[in-house]
C-alpha atoms as a PDB file:
ATOM      1  CA  MET A   1      -0.154 -29.819 -21.614  1.00  0.00           C
ATOM      2  CA  PRO A   2       3.034 -28.591 -19.984  1.00  0.00           C
ATOM      3  CA  LEU A   3       3.709 -25.162 -19.461  1.00  0.00           C
ATOM      4  CA  LYS A   4       6.081 -23.042 -21.346  1.00  0.00           C
ATOM      5  CA  ALA A   5       5.544 -19.853 -20.951  1.00  0.00           C
ATOM      6  CA  ALA A   6       3.500 -17.772 -18.284  1.00  0.00           C
ATOM      7  CA  ILE A   7       2.248 -13.944 -19.191  1.00  0.00           C
ATOM      8  CA  PHE A   8       1.912 -11.021 -16.325  1.00  0.00           C
ATOM      9  CA  ASP A   9       0.430  -7.645 -16.259  1.00  0.00           C
ATOM     10  CA  TRP A  10       2.175  -5.361 -14.526  1.00  0.00           C
ATOM     11  CA  ASP A  11       0.527  -2.815 -12.656  1.00  0.00           C
ATOM     12  CA  GLY A  12      -1.705  -4.693  -9.793  1.00  0.00           C
ATOM     13  CA  THR A  13      -0.185  -7.890 -10.761  1.00  0.00           C
ATOM     14  CA  ILE A  14       3.659  -7.766 -10.637  1.00  0.00           C
ATOM     15  CA  THR A  15       3.402  -4.438  -8.365  1.00  0.00           C
ATOM     16  CA  ASP A  16       0.596  -3.111  -6.410  1.00  0.00           C
ATOM     17  CA  SER A  17       0.930   0.294  -7.800  1.00  0.00           C
ATOM     18  CA  ASN A  18      -2.725   1.225  -9.445  1.00  0.00           C
ATOM     19  CA  ALA A  19      -3.981   3.470  -6.737  1.00  0.00           C
ATOM     20  CA  ILE A  20      -0.416   5.240  -7.700  1.00  0.00           C
ATOM     21  CA  LYS A  21      -1.283   5.505 -11.416  1.00  0.00           C
ATOM     22  CA  THR A  22      -4.722   6.547 -10.279  1.00  0.00           C
ATOM     23  CA  GLU A  23      -3.462   9.799  -8.077  1.00  0.00           C
ATOM     24  CA  ALA A  24      -1.568  10.909 -10.595  1.00  0.00           C
ATOM     25  CA  PHE A  25      -4.178  11.502 -12.988  1.00  0.00           C
ATOM     26  CA  ILE A  26      -6.127  13.078 -10.228  1.00  0.00           C
ATOM     27  CA  GLU A  27      -2.918  15.633  -9.458  1.00  0.00           C
ATOM     28  CA  LEU A  28      -2.901  16.381 -13.489  1.00  0.00           C
ATOM     29  CA  PHE A  29      -6.410  17.696 -13.413  1.00  0.00           C
ATOM     30  CA  LYS A  30      -7.578  18.668  -9.883  1.00  0.00           C
ATOM     31  CA  ASP A  31      -6.406  22.449 -10.375  1.00  0.00           C
ATOM     32  CA  SER A  32      -8.285  22.941 -13.170  1.00  0.00           C
ATOM     33  CA  CYS A  33     -11.282  20.440 -12.700  1.00  0.00           C
ATOM     34  CA  PRO A  34     -11.652  20.137  -8.857  1.00  0.00           C
ATOM     35  CA  GLU A  35     -14.469  17.625  -9.375  1.00  0.00           C
ATOM     36  CA  ALA A  36     -12.681  15.319 -11.099  1.00  0.00           C
ATOM     37  CA  ALA A  37     -11.096  12.652  -8.394  1.00  0.00           C
ATOM     38  CA  GLU A  38     -14.526  11.197  -8.044  1.00  0.00           C
ATOM     39  CA  TYR A  39     -14.520  10.411 -12.003  1.00  0.00           C
ATOM     40  CA  ILE A  40     -11.172   9.387 -12.178  1.00  0.00           C
ATOM     41  CA  HIS A  41     -11.249   6.766  -9.344  1.00  0.00           C
ATOM     42  CA  ALA A  42     -14.147   5.343 -11.144  1.00  0.00           C
ATOM     43  CA  TYR A  43     -13.075   5.358 -14.370  1.00  0.00           C
ATOM     44  CA  GLN A  44      -9.734   3.835 -13.451  1.00  0.00           C
ATOM     45  CA  GLN A  45     -11.137   0.681 -11.539  1.00  0.00           C
ATOM     46  CA  ASN A  46     -13.530  -0.301 -14.806  1.00  0.00           C
ATOM     47  CA  LYS A  47     -11.113   0.460 -17.703  1.00  0.00           C
ATOM     48  CA  GLY A  48      -7.756  -1.521 -15.742  1.00  0.00           C
ATOM     49  CA  GLY A  49      -4.757  -1.852 -18.470  1.00  0.00           C
ATOM     50  CA  ILE A  50      -6.187   0.730 -20.945  1.00  0.00           C
ATOM     51  CA  SER A  51      -3.413   2.267 -22.066  1.00  0.00           C
ATOM     52  CA  ARG A  52      -2.498   5.749 -20.062  1.00  0.00           C
ATOM     53  CA  PHE A  53      -3.151   7.735 -23.461  1.00  0.00           C
ATOM     54  CA  GLU A  54      -6.704   6.658 -24.158  1.00  0.00           C
ATOM     55  CA  LYS A  55      -7.578   7.264 -20.415  1.00  0.00           C
ATOM     56  CA  TYR A  56      -6.037  10.882 -21.182  1.00  0.00           C
ATOM     57  CA  ARG A  57      -7.972  11.371 -24.465  1.00  0.00           C
ATOM     58  CA  HIS A  58     -11.270  10.189 -22.627  1.00  0.00           C
ATOM     59  CA  TYR A  59     -10.386  12.133 -19.819  1.00  0.00           C
ATOM     60  CA  ILE A  60      -9.868  15.756 -21.891  1.00  0.00           C
ATOM     61  CA  ARG A  61     -13.002  14.523 -23.641  1.00  0.00           C
ATOM     62  CA  HIS A  62     -15.124  14.036 -20.738  1.00  0.00           C
ATOM     63  CA  PHE A  63     -13.888  17.135 -18.731  1.00  0.00           C
ATOM     64  CA  PHE A  64     -12.864  19.887 -21.486  1.00  0.00           C
ATOM     65  CA  HIS A  65     -14.941  18.541 -24.827  1.00  0.00           C
ATOM     66  CA  HIS A  66     -12.071  18.676 -27.095  1.00  0.00           C
ATOM     67  CA  GLU A  67      -9.187  16.402 -28.581  1.00  0.00           C
ATOM     68  CA  VAL A  68      -5.761  16.576 -27.812  1.00  0.00           C
ATOM     69  CA  SER A  69      -3.331  17.081 -30.146  1.00  0.00           C
ATOM     70  CA  THR A  70       0.356  15.172 -30.027  1.00  0.00           C
ATOM     71  CA  ALA A  71       2.198  18.268 -28.612  1.00  0.00           C
ATOM     72  CA  GLU A  72      -0.693  18.047 -25.741  1.00  0.00           C
ATOM     73  CA  LEU A  73      -0.139  13.894 -25.244  1.00  0.00           C
ATOM     74  CA  ASP A  74       3.515  14.282 -25.364  1.00  0.00           C
ATOM     75  CA  LYS A  75       3.585  16.876 -22.534  1.00  0.00           C
ATOM     76  CA  PHE A  76       1.198  14.878 -20.530  1.00  0.00           C
ATOM     77  CA  GLY A  77       3.130  11.553 -20.843  1.00  0.00           C
ATOM     78  CA  GLN A  78       6.313  13.669 -19.517  1.00  0.00           C
ATOM     79  CA  ARG A  79       4.517  15.353 -16.641  1.00  0.00           C
ATOM     80  CA  TYR A  80       2.319  11.805 -15.780  1.00  0.00           C
ATOM     81  CA  ALA A  81       6.156   9.744 -15.772  1.00  0.00           C
ATOM     82  CA  LYS A  82       7.397  12.725 -13.500  1.00  0.00           C
ATOM     83  CA  LEU A  83       4.699  11.787 -10.804  1.00  0.00           C
ATOM     84  CA  CYS A  84       4.560   8.350 -10.678  1.00  0.00           C
ATOM     85  CA  ARG A  85       8.183   7.183 -11.018  1.00  0.00           C
ATOM     86  CA  ASP A  86       9.614   7.474  -7.674  1.00  0.00           C
ATOM     87  CA  LYS A  87       6.475   6.017  -6.097  1.00  0.00           C
ATOM     88  CA  LEU A  88       6.508   3.347  -8.592  1.00  0.00           C
ATOM     89  CA  LEU A  89      10.079   2.420  -7.403  1.00  0.00           C
ATOM     90  CA  GLN A  90       8.382   1.675  -3.915  1.00  0.00           C
ATOM     91  CA  ALA A  91       5.864  -0.277  -4.808  1.00  0.00           C
ATOM     92  CA  PRO A  92       5.279  -3.559  -3.423  1.00  0.00           C
ATOM     93  CA  PHE A  93       5.155  -6.428  -4.813  1.00  0.00           C
ATOM     94  CA  ILE A  94       2.038  -8.524  -4.980  1.00  0.00           C
ATOM     95  CA  PRO A  95       2.161 -11.404  -3.064  1.00  0.00           C
ATOM     96  CA  GLY A  96       4.300 -14.363  -4.414  1.00  0.00           C
ATOM     97  CA  ALA A  97       4.975 -12.531  -7.675  1.00  0.00           C
ATOM     98  CA  LEU A  98       8.568 -12.048  -6.842  1.00  0.00           C
ATOM     99  CA  GLU A  99       8.773 -15.359  -5.533  1.00  0.00           C
ATOM    100  CA  THR A 100       6.618 -17.064  -8.922  1.00  0.00           C
ATOM    101  CA  LEU A 101       9.378 -15.172 -11.353  1.00  0.00           C
ATOM    102  CA  GLN A 102      12.549 -16.318  -9.554  1.00  0.00           C
ATOM    103  CA  ASP A 103      10.818 -20.225  -9.418  1.00  0.00           C
ATOM    104  CA  LEU A 104       9.737 -19.770 -13.151  1.00  0.00           C
ATOM    105  CA  LYS A 105      13.701 -18.616 -14.051  1.00  0.00           C
ATOM    106  CA  GLN A 106      14.942 -21.691 -12.152  1.00  0.00           C
ATOM    107  CA  LYS A 107      12.740 -24.424 -14.307  1.00  0.00           C
ATOM    108  CA  ASN A 108      13.802 -22.327 -17.487  1.00  0.00           C
ATOM    109  CA  ILE A 109      10.447 -21.067 -18.106  1.00  0.00           C
ATOM    110  CA  PRO A 110      10.203 -18.178 -19.833  1.00  0.00           C
ATOM    111  CA  ALA A 111       8.441 -15.095 -18.072  1.00  0.00           C
ATOM    112  CA  PHE A 112       6.686 -12.043 -20.233  1.00  0.00           C
ATOM    113  CA  ILE A 113       5.438  -8.964 -19.311  1.00  0.00           C
ATOM    114  CA  VAL A 114       2.474  -7.629 -21.454  1.00  0.00           C
ATOM    115  CA  THR A 115       1.231  -4.032 -20.254  1.00  0.00           C
ATOM    116  CA  GLY A 116      -0.826  -0.932 -20.784  1.00  0.00           C
ATOM    117  CA  SER A 117       2.241   1.144 -20.070  1.00  0.00           C
ATOM    118  CA  PRO A 118       4.872   1.831 -22.720  1.00  0.00           C
ATOM    119  CA  ALA A 119       7.541  -0.618 -22.563  1.00  0.00           C
ATOM    120  CA  ASP A 120      10.633   1.318 -22.214  1.00  0.00           C
ATOM    121  CA  GLU A 121       8.612   2.535 -19.220  1.00  0.00           C
ATOM    122  CA  ILE A 122       8.511  -1.162 -17.288  1.00  0.00           C
ATOM    123  CA  ARG A 123      12.086  -2.149 -18.227  1.00  0.00           C
ATOM    124  CA  SER A 124      13.350   0.846 -16.633  1.00  0.00           C
ATOM    125  CA  LEU A 125      11.166  -0.024 -13.228  1.00  0.00           C
ATOM    126  CA  ALA A 126      12.531  -3.444 -13.488  1.00  0.00           C
ATOM    127  CA  ASN A 127      15.829  -3.134 -14.411  1.00  0.00           C
ATOM    128  CA  ALA A 128      16.267  -0.494 -11.253  1.00  0.00           C
ATOM    129  CA  ARG A 129      14.193  -3.137  -9.085  1.00  0.00           C
ATOM    130  CA  GLU A 130      16.815  -5.702 -10.328  1.00  0.00           C
ATOM    131  CA  ILE A 131      14.299  -8.331 -11.600  1.00  0.00           C
ATOM    132  CA  SER A 132      15.125  -7.845 -15.263  1.00  0.00           C
ATOM    133  CA  PRO A 133      17.115 -11.263 -15.750  1.00  0.00           C
ATOM    134  CA  LEU A 134      13.683 -13.038 -14.583  1.00  0.00           C
ATOM    135  CA  ILE A 135      11.787 -11.699 -17.826  1.00  0.00           C
ATOM    136  CA  LYS A 136      12.224 -12.980 -21.371  1.00  0.00           C
ATOM    137  CA  ASP A 137      10.534  -9.575 -22.590  1.00  0.00           C
ATOM    138  CA  ILE A 138       8.306  -6.676 -22.065  1.00  0.00           C
ATOM    139  CA  TYR A 139       5.380  -5.461 -24.712  1.00  0.00           C
ATOM    140  CA  GLY A 140       3.602  -2.904 -24.126  1.00  0.00           C
ATOM    141  CA  SER A 141       1.308   0.014 -25.336  1.00  0.00           C
ATOM    142  CA  PRO A 142       0.431   2.009 -27.480  1.00  0.00           C
ATOM    143  CA  ARG A 143      -0.571  -1.696 -28.813  1.00  0.00           C
ATOM    144  CA  SER A 144      -3.901  -3.290 -27.381  1.00  0.00           C
ATOM    145  CA  LYS A 145      -3.326  -6.146 -25.123  1.00  0.00           C
ATOM    146  CA  ASP A 146      -4.824  -8.849 -27.135  1.00  0.00           C
ATOM    147  CA  ILE A 147      -2.299  -7.648 -30.122  1.00  0.00           C
ATOM    148  CA  LEU A 148       0.615  -7.704 -27.436  1.00  0.00           C
ATOM    149  CA  LEU A 149      -0.536 -11.189 -26.554  1.00  0.00           C
ATOM    150  CA  ALA A 150      -0.748 -12.409 -29.855  1.00  0.00           C
ATOM    151  CA  THR A 151       2.983 -11.176 -30.654  1.00  0.00           C
ATOM    152  CA  VAL A 152       4.422 -12.906 -27.743  1.00  0.00           C
ATOM    153  CA  LEU A 153       2.737 -16.392 -29.129  1.00  0.00           C
ATOM    154  CA  GLN A 154       4.230 -15.766 -32.654  1.00  0.00           C
ATOM    155  CA  GLU A 155       7.170 -14.369 -32.061  1.00  0.00           C
ATOM    156  CA  HIS A 156       8.354 -17.166 -29.382  1.00  0.00           C
ATOM    157  CA  LYS A 157       6.045 -19.879 -31.108  1.00  0.00           C
ATOM    158  CA  LEU A 158       3.966 -20.975 -28.609  1.00  0.00           C
ATOM    159  CA  SER A 159       0.722 -22.451 -28.381  1.00  0.00           C
ATOM    160  CA  PRO A 160      -1.367 -20.199 -26.617  1.00  0.00           C
ATOM    161  CA  HIS A 161      -2.894 -23.860 -24.273  1.00  0.00           C
ATOM    162  CA  GLU A 162       1.439 -23.784 -23.248  1.00  0.00           C
ATOM    163  CA  THR A 163       1.072 -20.342 -21.622  1.00  0.00           C
ATOM    164  CA  LEU A 164      -0.897 -18.645 -18.984  1.00  0.00           C
ATOM    165  CA  PHE A 165      -2.110 -15.252 -18.763  1.00  0.00           C
ATOM    166  CA  PHE A 166      -2.226 -13.635 -14.950  1.00  0.00           C
ATOM    167  CA  GLY A 167      -4.110  -9.990 -15.092  1.00  0.00           C
ATOM    168  CA  ASP A 168      -6.342  -8.195 -12.612  1.00  0.00           C
ATOM    169  CA  ALA A 169      -8.483  -6.208 -15.163  1.00  0.00           C
ATOM    170  CA  ILE A 170     -11.073  -6.948 -17.691  1.00  0.00           C
ATOM    171  CA  THR A 171      -9.313  -5.514 -20.331  1.00  0.00           C
ATOM    172  CA  ASP A 172      -6.497  -8.311 -19.890  1.00  0.00           C
ATOM    173  CA  TYR A 173      -9.413 -11.403 -19.429  1.00  0.00           C
ATOM    174  CA  ASN A 174     -10.777  -9.721 -22.698  1.00  0.00           C
ATOM    175  CA  ALA A 175      -7.570 -10.138 -24.412  1.00  0.00           C
ATOM    176  CA  ALA A 176      -6.635 -13.679 -22.964  1.00  0.00           C
ATOM    177  CA  LYS A 177     -10.171 -14.740 -24.414  1.00  0.00           C
ATOM    178  CA  ILE A 178      -9.608 -13.514 -28.174  1.00  0.00           C
ATOM    179  CA  ASN A 179      -6.210 -15.352 -27.743  1.00  0.00           C
ATOM    180  CA  ASN A 180      -7.689 -18.314 -26.081  1.00  0.00           C
ATOM    181  CA  ILE A 181      -4.988 -18.054 -23.450  1.00  0.00           C
ATOM    182  CA  PRO A 182      -5.666 -19.725 -20.078  1.00  0.00           C
ATOM    183  CA  PHE A 183      -6.256 -16.815 -17.522  1.00  0.00           C
ATOM    184  CA  ILE A 184      -5.863 -16.571 -13.851  1.00  0.00           C
ATOM    185  CA  GLY A 185      -7.339 -13.426 -12.627  1.00  0.00           C
ATOM    186  CA  VAL A 186      -5.612 -11.300  -9.880  1.00  0.00           C
ATOM    187  CA  SER A 187      -7.878  -9.744  -6.924  1.00  0.00           C
ATOM    188  CA  LYS A 188      -8.394  -9.662  -3.296  1.00  0.00           C
ATOM    189  CA  ASP A 189     -11.295 -11.240  -3.411  1.00  0.00           C
ATOM    190  CA  LYS A 190     -14.391 -12.429  -5.320  1.00  0.00           C
ATOM    191  CA  LYS A 191     -16.407  -9.592  -4.434  1.00  0.00           C
ATOM    192  CA  SER A 192     -14.022  -7.122  -5.876  1.00  0.00           C
ATOM    193  CA  SER A 193     -13.141  -8.897  -8.747  1.00  0.00           C
ATOM    194  CA  PRO A 194     -14.230  -7.830 -12.168  1.00  0.00           C
ATOM    195  CA  PHE A 195     -14.254 -11.193 -13.836  1.00  0.00           C
ATOM    196  CA  PRO A 196     -16.980 -13.367 -14.659  1.00  0.00           C
ATOM    197  CA  PRO A 197     -18.215 -15.714 -12.044  1.00  0.00           C
ATOM    198  CA  ASP A 198     -15.753 -18.485 -13.640  1.00  0.00           C
ATOM    199  CA  THR A 199     -12.742 -17.091 -13.647  1.00  0.00           C
ATOM    200  CA  THR A 200      -9.916 -18.464 -11.509  1.00  0.00           C
ATOM    201  CA  ILE A 201      -9.375 -15.992  -9.482  1.00  0.00           C
ATOM    202  CA  VAL A 202      -6.437 -15.769  -6.555  1.00  0.00           C
ATOM    203  CA  ASN A 203      -5.042 -13.067  -4.104  1.00  0.00           C
ATOM    204  CA  ARG A 204      -1.588 -13.953  -4.614  1.00  0.00           C
ATOM    205  CA  ILE A 205       0.878 -14.978  -7.837  1.00  0.00           C
ATOM    206  CA  PHE A 206       1.590 -18.657  -7.553  1.00  0.00           C
ATOM    207  CA  ILE A 207       1.782 -21.517 -10.572  1.00  0.00           C
ATOM    208  CA  GLN A 208       1.618 -24.797  -9.630  1.00  0.00           C
ATOM    209  CA  PHE A 209       3.830 -27.086 -12.089  1.00  0.00           C
END
């Protein structure tokens, strides 16, 4: 079946930016919880693709044993975005990502972003990096990735088997499986891959037409 659309996660799939976001979490907690760095590094590695607000709730529960208020979440979101913004603008593209988006555009195959970050934030980054014309639409948190993928299929009248989803986290893999979308995992090598052994894994983004 010919490819009708390609869907991509953002962090770790389009841009090499996961470490930037991990360091932002550590920066937020290091003064009040000096032992946080090791735990945050491990948690971020195992929980990629989940909304930052869900991660923040988890860290507050784990380190301080209480639930966060809506006001605290809003304050966190503003501080987190401020810490990340300039560095995210400079994050290198994952090898092959930009060229693949350009190739899809030339072939009139729409490219979508499904991300655990707020959609408006990724739109702003895409605009600043001048790649918005290469992207059909961007879908983001607070909805989970399985729901976001289902929304892309429904809104654009796509069959799951006419699409591909590229992602770097087990959250991406699980969301693709729920929606019966063929999945390609992005990982530097099989040893560091979070995916099951039978997963197709690449260390650069490309699509063979």
